[in-house]
Each structure stands twice: as C-alpha cells, then as structure tokens.
Amino acid sequence: MQKFDHEKLDVYQTAVEWVALAQDIVAAMLDGKRHGPLADQLQRAASSITLNIAEGAGEFSPADKSRFYRIAKRSATECAAILDVAQRRCCISHDYFNHGRSLLLRIVGMLVKLAQAHC
C-alpha cells in the first residue's frame, strides 16, 4: 500500500504513539476529578503535533516545511509542560509521566533536526 509522505516519518509514528498515550492520560485525569481544562489542553496539543507534522511533510517549500515542524515542536513542548503541571497536581501516575516525557523528548529531538534540515 502506498503511503503519504508524513506516514514515512519516524517522528510522525512516534507522535501517533504519543497521541494514544495522551488519550490514556486524559482518561485517567478525568476519572472522577476536576482536571477538565488541563486534560482538554493536553488532547488538543497532542493532536496538533501530528497534524502539523503531516502538514509540513506535505509542503513543497523548505521554509514552509520547517515552519510546520517548528509549530509541531512548540505543541510537543506544551504537552511536556502540561505533564509537569499534571504531575504537580498529582493527577497522573509516575509511569504515565515518565513514558510521556520520554516520547516527547524523542519527538522534540526529531522535529528540531527536521526543522533545521529545511531552513
């Protein structure tokens, strides 16, 4: 089966893995607790990573590719900050925090390289 350009990128596959984990984190945060706004922001920022990677991969202009990868990176660092707040509020487990942080560090590293390669 033929693939879209973004589906060929390791960073996209890792970002999809992160979205699935973020959904699990959101479900845990909303389990009888009042963390709705934080959970909603995490869900939107996690989705933004994958969507901006796909948009960047679909661009022809190197400058446009780089811009979308930088936007995706900002969404990933936003997710990392949300994890910090969630951990401080004691509304996520250490396992979720550590796994999420690990995925986000990988995603940010790959996005920095992609953005720099297209400058």
PDB file of N, CA and C in Angstrom:
ATOM      1  N   MET A   1       0.831  -1.173   0.000  1.00  0.00           N
ATOM      2  CA  MET A   1       0.000   0.000   0.000  1.00  0.00           C
ATOM      3  C   MET A   1       0.889   1.255   0.000  1.00  0.00           C
ATOM      4  N   GLN A   2       0.507   2.207  -0.800  1.00  0.00           N
ATOM      5  CA  GLN A   2       1.245   3.463  -0.897  1.00  0.00           C
ATOM      6  C   GLN A   2       1.006   4.296   0.362  1.00  0.00           C
ATOM      7  N   LYS A   3       2.038   5.042   0.775  1.00  0.00           N
ATOM      8  CA  LYS A   3       1.940   5.857   1.983  1.00  0.00           C
ATOM      9  C   LYS A   3       2.038   7.329   1.640  1.00  0.00           C
ATOM     10  N   PHE A   4       1.403   8.150   2.470  1.00  0.00           N
ATOM     11  CA  PHE A   4       1.609   9.592   2.401  1.00  0.00           C
ATOM     12  C   PHE A   4       3.002   9.896   2.931  1.00  0.00           C
ATOM     13  N   ASP A   5       3.551  11.050   2.544  1.00  0.00           N
ATOM     14  CA  ASP A   5       4.903  11.418   2.980  1.00  0.00           C
ATOM     15  C   ASP A   5       5.032  11.424   4.500  1.00  0.00           C
ATOM     16  N   HIS A   6       4.035  11.966   5.201  1.00  0.00           N
ATOM     17  CA  HIS A   6       4.146  12.051   6.658  1.00  0.00           C
ATOM     18  C   HIS A   6       4.141  10.674   7.331  1.00  0.00           C
ATOM     19  N   GLU A   7       3.502   9.693   6.704  1.00  0.00           N
ATOM     20  CA  GLU A   7       3.457   8.353   7.285  1.00  0.00           C
ATOM     21  C   GLU A   7       4.813   7.656   7.235  1.00  0.00           C
ATOM     22  N   LYS A   8       5.711   8.155   6.399  1.00  0.00           N
ATOM     23  CA  LYS A   8       7.048   7.573   6.267  1.00  0.00           C
ATOM     24  C   LYS A   8       8.011   8.100   7.338  1.00  0.00           C
ATOM     25  N   LEU A   9       7.602   9.126   8.055  1.00  0.00           N
ATOM     26  CA  LEU A   9       8.482   9.762   9.036  1.00  0.00           C
ATOM     27  C   LEU A   9       8.388   9.081  10.402  1.00  0.00           C
ATOM     28  N   ASP A  10       9.553   8.769  10.978  1.00  0.00           N
ATOM     29  CA  ASP A  10       9.584   8.190  12.328  1.00  0.00           C
ATOM     30  C   ASP A  10       8.941   9.131  13.339  1.00  0.00           C
ATOM     31  N   VAL A  11       9.144  10.425  13.164  1.00  0.00           N
ATOM     32  CA  VAL A  11       8.584  11.384  14.116  1.00  0.00           C
ATOM     33  C   VAL A  11       7.058  11.352  14.086  1.00  0.00           C
ATOM     34  N   TYR A  12       6.488  11.130  12.921  1.00  0.00           N
ATOM     35  CA  TYR A  12       5.031  11.046  12.825  1.00  0.00           C
ATOM     36  C   TYR A  12       4.536   9.801  13.563  1.00  0.00           C
ATOM     37  N   GLN A  13       5.192   8.677  13.344  1.00  0.00           N
ATOM     38  CA  GLN A  13       4.790   7.432  14.013  1.00  0.00           C
ATOM     39  C   GLN A  13       4.912   7.566  15.535  1.00  0.00           C
ATOM     40  N   THR A  14       5.968   8.222  15.989  1.00  0.00           N
ATOM     41  CA  THR A  14       6.150   8.438  17.425  1.00  0.00           C
ATOM     42  C   THR A  14       5.083   9.393  17.960  1.00  0.00           C
ATOM     43  N   ALA A  15       4.739  10.393  17.178  1.00  0.00           N
ATOM     44  CA  ALA A  15       3.697  11.342  17.581  1.00  0.00           C
ATOM     45  C   ALA A  15       2.337  10.661  17.686  1.00  0.00           C
ATOM     46  N   VAL A  16       2.055   9.734  16.791  1.00  0.00           N
ATOM     47  CA  VAL A  16       0.793   8.981  16.872  1.00  0.00           C
ATOM     48  C   VAL A  16       0.782   8.128  18.148  1.00  0.00           C
ATOM     49  N   GLU A  17       1.925   7.546  18.475  1.00  0.00           N
ATOM     50  CA  GLU A  17       2.049   6.789  19.727  1.00  0.00           C
ATOM     51  C   GLU A  17       1.782   7.712  20.919  1.00  0.00           C
ATOM     52  N   TRP A  18       2.317   8.939  20.863  1.00  0.00           N
ATOM     53  CA  TRP A  18       2.103   9.912  21.927  1.00  0.00           C
ATOM     54  C   TRP A  18       0.619  10.278  22.052  1.00  0.00           C
ATOM     55  N   VAL A  19      -0.072  10.457  20.929  1.00  0.00           N
ATOM     56  CA  VAL A  19      -1.498  10.798  20.976  1.00  0.00           C
ATOM     57  C   VAL A  19      -2.281   9.704  21.702  1.00  0.00           C
ATOM     58  N   ALA A  20      -1.952   8.451  21.433  1.00  0.00           N
ATOM     59  CA  ALA A  20      -2.635   7.345  22.102  1.00  0.00           C
ATOM     60  C   ALA A  20      -2.361   7.373  23.607  1.00  0.00           C
ATOM     61  N   LEU A  21      -1.110   7.613  23.984  1.00  0.00           N
ATOM     62  CA  LEU A  21      -0.775   7.706  25.403  1.00  0.00           C
ATOM     63  C   LEU A  21      -1.461   8.912  26.037  1.00  0.00           C
ATOM     64  N   ALA A  22      -1.470  10.034  25.335  1.00  0.00           N
ATOM     65  CA  ALA A  22      -2.127  11.234  25.863  1.00  0.00           C
ATOM     66  C   ALA A  22      -3.604  10.968  26.121  1.00  0.00           C
ATOM     67  N   GLN A  23      -4.241  10.192  25.252  1.00  0.00           N
ATOM     68  CA  GLN A  23      -5.651   9.851  25.458  1.00  0.00           C
ATOM     69  C   GLN A  23      -5.832   9.043  26.737  1.00  0.00           C
ATOM     70  N   ASP A  24      -4.918   8.124  27.002  1.00  0.00           N
ATOM     71  CA  ASP A  24      -4.966   7.353  28.249  1.00  0.00           C
ATOM     72  C   ASP A  24      -4.757   8.262  29.457  1.00  0.00           C
ATOM     73  N   ILE A  25      -3.829   9.210  29.332  1.00  0.00           N
ATOM     74  CA  ILE A  25      -3.572  10.155  30.418  1.00  0.00           C
ATOM     75  C   ILE A  25      -4.806  11.008  30.672  1.00  0.00           C
ATOM     76  N   VAL A  26      -5.435  11.478  29.605  1.00  0.00           N
ATOM     77  CA  VAL A  26      -6.652  12.294  29.738  1.00  0.00           C
ATOM     78  C   VAL A  26      -7.736  11.500  30.449  1.00  0.00           C
ATOM     79  N   ALA A  27      -7.919  10.249  30.075  1.00  0.00           N
ATOM     80  CA  ALA A  27      -8.941   9.420  30.717  1.00  0.00           C
ATOM     81  C   ALA A  27      -8.662   9.272  32.213  1.00  0.00           C
ATOM     82  N   ALA A  28      -7.386   9.094  32.571  1.00  0.00           N
ATOM     83  CA  ALA A  28      -7.022   8.979  33.982  1.00  0.00           C
ATOM     84  C   ALA A  28      -7.240  10.301  34.723  1.00  0.00           C
ATOM     85  N   MET A  29      -6.954  11.408  34.057  1.00  0.00           N
ATOM     86  CA  MET A  29      -7.126  12.722  34.687  1.00  0.00           C
ATOM     87  C   MET A  29      -8.591  13.030  34.942  1.00  0.00           C
ATOM     88  N   LEU A  30      -9.455  12.548  34.071  1.00  0.00           N
ATOM     89  CA  LEU A  30     -10.882  12.855  34.186  1.00  0.00           C
ATOM     90  C   LEU A  30     -11.633  11.835  35.041  1.00  0.00           C
ATOM     91  N   ASP A  31     -10.937  10.845  35.551  1.00  0.00           N
ATOM     92  CA  ASP A  31     -11.558   9.788  36.341  1.00  0.00           C
ATOM     93  C   ASP A  31     -12.021  10.328  37.694  1.00  0.00           C
ATOM     94  N   GLY A  32     -13.177  10.982  37.669  1.00  0.00           N
ATOM     95  CA  GLY A  32     -13.768  11.498  38.905  1.00  0.00           C
ATOM     96  C   GLY A  32     -13.099  12.733  39.462  1.00  0.00           C
ATOM     97  N   LYS A  33     -12.245  13.352  38.698  1.00  0.00           N
ATOM     98  CA  LYS A  33     -11.514  14.517  39.203  1.00  0.00           C
ATOM     99  C   LYS A  33     -11.823  15.737  38.360  1.00  0.00           C
ATOM    100  N   ARG A  34     -11.425  16.877  38.856  1.00  0.00           N
ATOM    101  CA  ARG A  34     -11.742  18.146  38.197  1.00  0.00           C
ATOM    102  C   ARG A  34     -10.513  18.703  37.482  1.00  0.00           C
ATOM    103  N   HIS A  35     -10.084  18.019  36.463  1.00  0.00           N
ATOM    104  CA  HIS A  35      -8.918  18.453  35.702  1.00  0.00           C
ATOM    105  C   HIS A  35      -9.284  18.642  34.228  1.00  0.00           C
ATOM    106  N   GLY A  36     -10.548  18.951  33.951  1.00  0.00           N
ATOM    107  CA  GLY A  36     -11.057  19.059  32.594  1.00  0.00           C
ATOM    108  C   GLY A  36     -10.297  20.009  31.696  1.00  0.00           C
ATOM    109  N   PRO A  37     -10.070  21.273  32.123  1.00  0.00           N
ATOM    110  CA  PRO A  37      -9.359  22.206  31.236  1.00  0.00           C
ATOM    111  C   PRO A  37      -7.940  21.739  30.894  1.00  0.00           C
ATOM    112  N   LEU A  38      -7.248  21.190  31.874  1.00  0.00           N
ATOM    113  CA  LEU A  38      -5.887  20.702  31.631  1.00  0.00           C
ATOM    114  C   LEU A  38      -5.911  19.494  30.682  1.00  0.00           C
ATOM    115  N   ALA A  39      -6.858  18.610  30.899  1.00  0.00           N
ATOM    116  CA  ALA A  39      -6.997  17.430  30.037  1.00  0.00           C
ATOM    117  C   ALA A  39      -7.347  17.840  28.611  1.00  0.00           C
ATOM    118  N   ASP A  40      -8.237  18.800  28.483  1.00  0.00           N
ATOM    119  CA  ASP A  40      -8.630  19.284  27.154  1.00  0.00           C
ATOM    120  C   ASP A  40      -7.441  19.898  26.419  1.00  0.00           C
ATOM    121  N   GLN A  41      -6.650  20.680  27.126  1.00  0.00           N
ATOM    122  CA  GLN A  41      -5.475  21.306  26.513  1.00  0.00           C
ATOM    123  C   GLN A  41      -4.459  20.257  26.079  1.00  0.00           C
ATOM    124  N   LEU A  42      -4.285  19.214  26.885  1.00  0.00           N
ATOM    125  CA  LEU A  42      -3.358  18.136  26.526  1.00  0.00           C
ATOM    126  C   LEU A  42      -3.821  17.433  25.258  1.00  0.00           C
ATOM    127  N   GLN A  43      -5.106  17.159  25.177  1.00  0.00           N
ATOM    128  CA  GLN A  43      -5.649  16.483  23.998  1.00  0.00           C
ATOM    129  C   GLN A  43      -5.442  17.328  22.739  1.00  0.00           C
ATOM    130  N   ARG A  44      -5.704  18.628  22.829  1.00  0.00           N
ATOM    131  CA  ARG A  44      -5.558  19.499  21.664  1.00  0.00           C
ATOM    132  C   ARG A  44      -4.097  19.648  21.259  1.00  0.00           C
ATOM    133  N   ALA A  45      -3.213  19.819  22.227  1.00  0.00           N
ATOM    134  CA  ALA A  45      -1.790  19.982  21.909  1.00  0.00           C
ATOM    135  C   ALA A  45      -1.203  18.691  21.327  1.00  0.00           C
ATOM    136  N   ALA A  46      -1.602  17.544  21.855  1.00  0.00           N
ATOM    137  CA  ALA A  46      -1.100  16.261  21.337  1.00  0.00           C
ATOM    138  C   ALA A  46      -1.523  16.064  19.887  1.00  0.00           C
ATOM    139  N   SER A  47      -2.780  16.367  19.588  1.00  0.00           N
ATOM    140  CA  SER A  47      -3.264  16.244  18.213  1.00  0.00           C
ATOM    141  C   SER A  47      -2.545  17.220  17.291  1.00  0.00           C
ATOM    142  N   SER A  48      -2.261  18.400  17.796  1.00  0.00           N
ATOM    143  CA  SER A  48      -1.587  19.427  16.997  1.00  0.00           C
ATOM    144  C   SER A  48      -0.217  18.959  16.509  1.00  0.00           C
ATOM    145  N   ILE A  49       0.470  18.170  17.312  1.00  0.00           N
ATOM    146  CA  ILE A  49       1.789  17.670  16.900  1.00  0.00           C
ATOM    147  C   ILE A  49       1.658  16.865  15.607  1.00  0.00           C
ATOM    148  N   THR A  50       0.797  15.870  15.621  1.00  0.00           N
ATOM    149  CA  THR A  50       0.666  15.006  14.444  1.00  0.00           C
ATOM    150  C   THR A  50       0.144  15.771  13.236  1.00  0.00           C
ATOM    151  N   LEU A  51      -0.811  16.664  13.462  1.00  0.00           N
ATOM    152  CA  LEU A  51      -1.393  17.403  12.341  1.00  0.00           C
ATOM    153  C   LEU A  51      -0.372  18.322  11.687  1.00  0.00           C
ATOM    154  N   ASN A  52       0.465  18.979  12.488  1.00  0.00           N
ATOM    155  CA  ASN A  52       1.473  19.882  11.914  1.00  0.00           C
ATOM    156  C   ASN A  52       2.608  19.122  11.246  1.00  0.00           C
ATOM    157  N   ILE A  53       2.935  17.950  11.748  1.00  0.00           N
ATOM    158  CA  ILE A  53       3.928  17.117  11.057  1.00  0.00           C
ATOM    159  C   ILE A  53       3.395  16.732   9.677  1.00  0.00           C
ATOM    160  N   ALA A  54       2.143  16.321   9.614  1.00  0.00           N
ATOM    161  CA  ALA A  54       1.544  15.941   8.333  1.00  0.00           C
ATOM    162  C   ALA A  54       1.508  17.128   7.377  1.00  0.00           C
ATOM    163  N   GLU A  55       1.127  18.294   7.887  1.00  0.00           N
ATOM    164  CA  GLU A  55       1.099  19.478   7.015  1.00  0.00           C
ATOM    165  C   GLU A  55       2.494  19.827   6.516  1.00  0.00           C
ATOM    166  N   GLY A  56       3.482  19.745   7.395  1.00  0.00           N
ATOM    167  CA  GLY A  56       4.847  20.057   6.987  1.00  0.00           C
ATOM    168  C   GLY A  56       5.371  19.099   5.946  1.00  0.00           C
ATOM    169  N   ALA A  57       5.099  17.821   6.129  1.00  0.00           N
ATOM    170  CA  ALA A  57       5.565  16.818   5.168  1.00  0.00           C
ATOM    171  C   ALA A  57       4.918  17.016   3.804  1.00  0.00           C
ATOM    172  N   GLY A  58       3.732  17.603   3.792  1.00  0.00           N
ATOM    173  CA  GLY A  58       3.025  17.814   2.533  1.00  0.00           C
ATOM    174  C   GLY A  58       3.398  19.087   1.803  1.00  0.00           C
ATOM    175  N   GLU A  59       4.225  19.905   2.410  1.00  0.00           N
ATOM    176  CA  GLU A  59       4.641  21.163   1.778  1.00  0.00           C
ATOM    177  C   GLU A  59       5.783  20.933   0.787  1.00  0.00           C
ATOM    178  N   PHE A  60       5.858  21.803  -0.215  1.00  0.00           N
ATOM    179  CA  PHE A  60       6.960  21.747  -1.181  1.00  0.00           C
ATOM    180  C   PHE A  60       8.111  22.655  -0.772  1.00  0.00           C
ATOM    181  N   SER A  61       7.779  23.800  -0.237  1.00  0.00           N
ATOM    182  CA  SER A  61       8.782  24.785   0.140  1.00  0.00           C
ATOM    183  C   SER A  61       9.516  24.357   1.414  1.00  0.00           C
ATOM    184  N   PRO A  62      10.852  24.336   1.393  1.00  0.00           N
ATOM    185  CA  PRO A  62      11.599  24.010   2.607  1.00  0.00           C
ATOM    186  C   PRO A  62      11.262  24.931   3.772  1.00  0.00           C
ATOM    187  N   ALA A  63      11.063  26.203   3.499  1.00  0.00           N
ATOM    188  CA  ALA A  63      10.729  27.153   4.572  1.00  0.00           C
ATOM    189  C   ALA A  63       9.376  26.808   5.202  1.00  0.00           C
ATOM    190  N   ASP A  64       8.411  26.418   4.370  1.00  0.00           N
ATOM    191  CA  ASP A  64       7.100  26.033   4.899  1.00  0.00           C
ATOM    192  C   ASP A  64       7.188  24.730   5.688  1.00  0.00           C
ATOM    193  N   LYS A  65       7.959  23.773   5.193  1.00  0.00           N
ATOM    194  CA  LYS A  65       8.162  22.527   5.937  1.00  0.00           C
ATOM    195  C   LYS A  65       8.719  22.838   7.320  1.00  0.00           C
ATOM    196  N   SER A  66       9.765  23.640   7.350  1.00  0.00           N
ATOM    197  CA  SER A  66      10.414  23.994   8.608  1.00  0.00           C
ATOM    198  C   SER A  66       9.442  24.676   9.565  1.00  0.00           C
ATOM    199  N   ARG A  67       8.611  25.572   9.035  1.00  0.00           N
ATOM    200  CA  ARG A  67       7.648  26.301   9.876  1.00  0.00           C
ATOM    201  C   ARG A  67       6.671  25.330  10.543  1.00  0.00           C
ATOM    202  N   PHE A  68       6.129  24.378   9.795  1.00  0.00           N
ATOM    203  CA  PHE A  68       5.189  23.424  10.385  1.00  0.00           C
ATOM    204  C   PHE A  68       5.880  22.515  11.403  1.00  0.00           C
ATOM    205  N   TYR A  69       7.122  22.119  11.137  1.00  0.00           N
ATOM    206  CA  TYR A  69       7.840  21.289  12.098  1.00  0.00           C
ATOM    207  C   TYR A  69       8.123  22.069  13.377  1.00  0.00           C
ATOM    208  N   ARG A  70       8.388  23.369  13.256  1.00  0.00           N
ATOM    209  CA  ARG A  70       8.591  24.202  14.448  1.00  0.00           C
ATOM    210  C   ARG A  70       7.289  24.353  15.237  1.00  0.00           C
ATOM    211  N   ILE A  71       6.181  24.485  14.548  1.00  0.00           N
ATOM    212  CA  ILE A  71       4.877  24.564  15.236  1.00  0.00           C
ATOM    213  C   ILE A  71       4.612  23.254  15.985  1.00  0.00           C
ATOM    214  N   ALA A  72       4.892  22.125  15.335  1.00  0.00           N
ATOM    215  CA  ALA A  72       4.712  20.821  15.982  1.00  0.00           C
ATOM    216  C   ALA A  72       5.595  20.720  17.223  1.00  0.00           C
ATOM    217  N   LYS A  73       6.819  21.230  17.128  1.00  0.00           N
ATOM    218  CA  LYS A  73       7.738  21.214  18.273  1.00  0.00           C
ATOM    219  C   LYS A  73       7.173  22.037  19.428  1.00  0.00           C
ATOM    220  N   ARG A  74       6.602  23.191  19.120  1.00  0.00           N
ATOM    221  CA  ARG A  74       6.007  24.016  20.181  1.00  0.00           C
ATOM    222  C   ARG A  74       4.859  23.276  20.858  1.00  0.00           C
ATOM    223  N   SER A  75       4.063  22.557  20.086  1.00  0.00           N
ATOM    224  CA  SER A  75       2.966  21.777  20.675  1.00  0.00           C
ATOM    225  C   SER A  75       3.512  20.655  21.562  1.00  0.00           C
ATOM    226  N   ALA A  76       4.614  20.058  21.147  1.00  0.00           N
ATOM    227  CA  ALA A  76       5.231  18.996  21.955  1.00  0.00           C
ATOM    228  C   ALA A  76       5.758  19.550  23.273  1.00  0.00           C
ATOM    229  N   THR A  77       6.386  20.711  23.240  1.00  0.00           N
ATOM    230  CA  THR A  77       6.881  21.289  24.496  1.00  0.00           C
ATOM    231  C   THR A  77       5.716  21.756  25.370  1.00  0.00           C
ATOM    232  N   GLU A  78       4.617  22.161  24.747  1.00  0.00           N
ATOM    233  CA  GLU A  78       3.409  22.490  25.516  1.00  0.00           C
ATOM    234  C   GLU A  78       2.900  21.238  26.241  1.00  0.00           C
ATOM    235  N   CYS A  79       2.899  20.113  25.540  1.00  0.00           N
ATOM    236  CA  CYS A  79       2.494  18.858  26.176  1.00  0.00           C
ATOM    237  C   CYS A  79       3.396  18.517  27.361  1.00  0.00           C
ATOM    238  N   ALA A  80       4.689  18.747  27.209  1.00  0.00           N
ATOM    239  CA  ALA A  80       5.630  18.477  28.302  1.00  0.00           C
ATOM    240  C   ALA A  80       5.300  19.351  29.515  1.00  0.00           C
ATOM    241  N   ALA A  81       4.968  20.598  29.271  1.00  0.00           N
ATOM    242  CA  ALA A  81       4.604  21.492  30.373  1.00  0.00           C
ATOM    243  C   ALA A  81       3.311  21.041  31.043  1.00  0.00           C
ATOM    244  N   ILE A  82       2.366  20.567  30.252  1.00  0.00           N
ATOM    245  CA  ILE A  82       1.109  20.058  30.815  1.00  0.00           C
ATOM    246  C   ILE A  82       1.388  18.846  31.691  1.00  0.00           C
ATOM    247  N   LEU A  83       2.292  17.968  31.254  1.00  0.00           N
ATOM    248  CA  LEU A  83       2.665  16.822  32.091  1.00  0.00           C
ATOM    249  C   LEU A  83       3.256  17.286  33.416  1.00  0.00           C
ATOM    250  N   ASP A  84       4.100  18.324  33.379  1.00  0.00           N
ATOM    251  CA  ASP A  84       4.680  18.864  34.612  1.00  0.00           C
ATOM    252  C   ASP A  84       3.599  19.345  35.571  1.00  0.00           C
ATOM    253  N   VAL A  85       2.629  20.081  35.033  1.00  0.00           N
ATOM    254  CA  VAL A  85       1.533  20.592  35.863  1.00  0.00           C
ATOM    255  C   VAL A  85       0.697  19.434  36.398  1.00  0.00           C
ATOM    256  N   ALA A  86       0.399  18.475  35.550  1.00  0.00           N
ATOM    257  CA  ALA A  86      -0.403  17.327  35.974  1.00  0.00           C
ATOM    258  C   ALA A  86       0.304  16.528  37.064  1.00  0.00           C
ATOM    259  N   GLN A  87       1.609  16.384  36.928  1.00  0.00           N
ATOM    260  CA  GLN A  87       2.364  15.670  37.958  1.00  0.00           C
ATOM    261  C   GLN A  87       2.329  16.456  39.272  1.00  0.00           C
ATOM    262  N   ARG A  88       2.495  17.756  39.177  1.00  0.00           N
ATOM    263  CA  ARG A  88       2.473  18.600  40.376  1.00  0.00           C
ATOM    264  C   ARG A  88       1.114  18.532  41.067  1.00  0.00           C
ATOM    265  N   ARG A  89       0.054  18.455  40.260  1.00  0.00           N
ATOM    266  CA  ARG A  89      -1.305  18.347  40.810  1.00  0.00           C
ATOM    267  C   ARG A  89      -1.636  16.924  41.254  1.00  0.00           C
ATOM    268  N   CYS A  90      -0.709  16.004  41.043  1.00  0.00           N
ATOM    269  CA  CYS A  90      -0.893  14.595  41.416  1.00  0.00           C
ATOM    270  C   CYS A  90      -2.087  13.962  40.704  1.00  0.00           C
ATOM    271  N   CYS A  91      -2.276  14.310  39.447  1.00  0.00           N
ATOM    272  CA  CYS A  91      -3.407  13.726  38.724  1.00  0.00           C
ATOM    273  C   CYS A  91      -2.968  12.770  37.619  1.00  0.00           C
ATOM    274  N   ILE A  92      -1.665  12.439  37.543  1.00  0.00           N
ATOM    275  CA  ILE A  92      -1.203  11.377  36.643  1.00  0.00           C
ATOM    276  C   ILE A  92      -0.178  10.527  37.382  1.00  0.00           C
ATOM    277  N   SER A  93      -0.056   9.304  36.958  1.00  0.00           N
ATOM    278  CA  SER A  93       0.897   8.390  37.600  1.00  0.00           C
ATOM    279  C   SER A  93       2.321   8.718  37.152  1.00  0.00           C
ATOM    280  N   HIS A  94       3.265   8.233  37.926  1.00  0.00           N
ATOM    281  CA  HIS A  94       4.681   8.413  37.556  1.00  0.00           C
ATOM    282  C   HIS A  94       4.990   7.675  36.255  1.00  0.00           C
ATOM    283  N   ASP A  95       4.343   6.521  36.046  1.00  0.00           N
ATOM    284  CA  ASP A  95       4.567   5.765  34.808  1.00  0.00           C
ATOM    285  C   ASP A  95       4.107   6.562  33.589  1.00  0.00           C
ATOM    286  N   TYR A  96       2.911   7.153  33.665  1.00  0.00           N
ATOM    287  CA  TYR A  96       2.425   7.986  32.562  1.00  0.00           C
ATOM    288  C   TYR A  96       3.355   9.176  32.336  1.00  0.00           C
ATOM    289  N   PHE A  97       3.759   9.805  33.433  1.00  0.00           N
ATOM    290  CA  PHE A  97       4.642  10.972  33.319  1.00  0.00           C
ATOM    291  C   PHE A  97       5.949  10.588  32.638  1.00  0.00           C
ATOM    292  N   ASN A  98       6.590   9.532  33.110  1.00  0.00           N
ATOM    293  CA  ASN A  98       7.889   9.130  32.568  1.00  0.00           C
ATOM    294  C   ASN A  98       7.798   8.669  31.117  1.00  0.00           C
ATOM    295  N   HIS A  99       6.784   7.870  30.805  1.00  0.00           N
ATOM    296  CA  HIS A  99       6.629   7.398  29.427  1.00  0.00           C
ATOM    297  C   HIS A  99       6.315   8.575  28.499  1.00  0.00           C
ATOM    298  N   GLY A 100       5.412   9.449  28.928  1.00  0.00           N
ATOM    299  CA  GLY A 100       5.069  10.619  28.116  1.00  0.00           C
ATOM    300  C   GLY A 100       6.254  11.524  27.884  1.00  0.00           C
ATOM    301  N   ARG A 101       6.992  11.779  28.942  1.00  0.00           N
ATOM    302  CA  ARG A 101       8.178  12.644  28.829  1.00  0.00           C
ATOM    303  C   ARG A 101       9.208  12.042  27.873  1.00  0.00           C
ATOM    304  N   SER A 102       9.390  10.735  27.946  1.00  0.00           N
ATOM    305  CA  SER A 102      10.339  10.054  27.064  1.00  0.00           C
ATOM    306  C   SER A 102       9.927  10.201  25.596  1.00  0.00           C
ATOM    307  N   LEU A 103       8.654   9.971  25.305  1.00  0.00           N
ATOM    308  CA  LEU A 103       8.173  10.124  23.931  1.00  0.00           C
ATOM    309  C   LEU A 103       8.325  11.567  23.458  1.00  0.00           C
ATOM    310  N   LEU A 104       7.976  12.508  24.309  1.00  0.00           N
ATOM    311  CA  LEU A 104       8.051  13.923  23.915  1.00  0.00           C
ATOM    312  C   LEU A 104       9.494  14.360  23.670  1.00  0.00           C
ATOM    313  N   LEU A 105      10.427  13.884  24.467  1.00  0.00           N
ATOM    314  CA  LEU A 105      11.835  14.217  24.234  1.00  0.00           C
ATOM    315  C   LEU A 105      12.295  13.690  22.873  1.00  0.00           C
ATOM    316  N   ARG A 106      11.879  12.470  22.524  1.00  0.00           N
ATOM    317  CA  ARG A 106      12.214  11.910  21.210  1.00  0.00           C
ATOM    318  C   ARG A 106      11.593  12.737  20.091  1.00  0.00           C
ATOM    319  N   ILE A 107      10.328  13.091  20.251  1.00  0.00           N
ATOM    320  CA  ILE A 107       9.614  13.868  19.237  1.00  0.00           C
ATOM    321  C   ILE A 107      10.284  15.219  19.035  1.00  0.00           C
ATOM    322  N   VAL A 108      10.575  15.917  20.113  1.00  0.00           N
ATOM    323  CA  VAL A 108      11.205  17.241  20.012  1.00  0.00           C
ATOM    324  C   VAL A 108      12.559  17.134  19.326  1.00  0.00           C
ATOM    325  N   GLY A 109      13.346  16.136  19.693  1.00  0.00           N
ATOM    326  CA  GLY A 109      14.652  15.961  19.065  1.00  0.00           C
ATOM    327  C   GLY A 109      14.553  15.748  17.562  1.00  0.00           C
ATOM    328  N   MET A 110      13.627  14.915  17.143  1.00  0.00           N
ATOM    329  CA  MET A 110      13.452  14.657  15.710  1.00  0.00           C
ATOM    330  C   MET A 110      12.926  15.897  14.983  1.00  0.00           C
ATOM    331  N   LEU A 111      12.008  16.628  15.625  1.00  0.00           N
ATOM    332  CA  LEU A 111      11.458  17.831  14.985  1.00  0.00           C
ATOM    333  C   LEU A 111      12.506  18.923  14.833  1.00  0.00           C
ATOM    334  N   VAL A 112      13.376  19.067  15.809  1.00  0.00           N
ATOM    335  CA  VAL A 112      14.459  20.055  15.696  1.00  0.00           C
ATOM    336  C   VAL A 112      15.331  19.725  14.489  1.00  0.00           C
ATOM    337  N   LYS A 113      15.681  18.462  14.339  1.00  0.00           N
ATOM    338  CA  LYS A 113      16.514  18.058  13.203  1.00  0.00           C
ATOM    339  C   LYS A 113      15.796  18.299  11.871  1.00  0.00           C
ATOM    340  N   LEU A 114      14.515  17.960  11.812  1.00  0.00           N
ATOM    341  CA  LEU A 114      13.751  18.186  10.576  1.00  0.00           C
ATOM    342  C   LEU A 114      13.650  19.678  10.249  1.00  0.00           C
ATOM    343  N   ALA A 115      13.361  20.484  11.256  1.00  0.00           N
ATOM    344  CA  ALA A 115      13.227  21.927  11.027  1.00  0.00           C
ATOM    345  C   ALA A 115      14.542  22.520  10.551  1.00  0.00           C
ATOM    346  N   GLN A 116      15.655  22.113  11.153  1.00  0.00           N
ATOM    347  CA  GLN A 116      16.954  22.631  10.776  1.00  0.00           C
ATOM    348  C   GLN A 116      17.345  22.158   9.373  1.00  0.00           C
ATOM    349  N   ALA A 117      16.953  20.962   9.005  1.00  0.00           N
ATOM    350  CA  ALA A 117      17.304  20.428   7.693  1.00  0.00           C
ATOM    351  C   ALA A 117      16.593  21.160   6.566  1.00  0.00           C
ATOM    352  N   HIS A 118      15.495  21.838   6.869  1.00  0.00           N
ATOM    353  CA  HIS A 118      14.708  22.509   5.842  1.00  0.00           C
ATOM    354  C   HIS A 118      14.810  24.019   5.905  1.00  0.00           C
ATOM    355  N   CYS A 119      15.754  24.534   6.681  1.00  0.00           N
ATOM    356  CA  CYS A 119      15.929  26.002   6.772  1.00  0.00           C
ATOM    357  C   CYS A 119      16.579  26.553   5.513  1.00  0.00           C
TER     358      CYS A 119
END
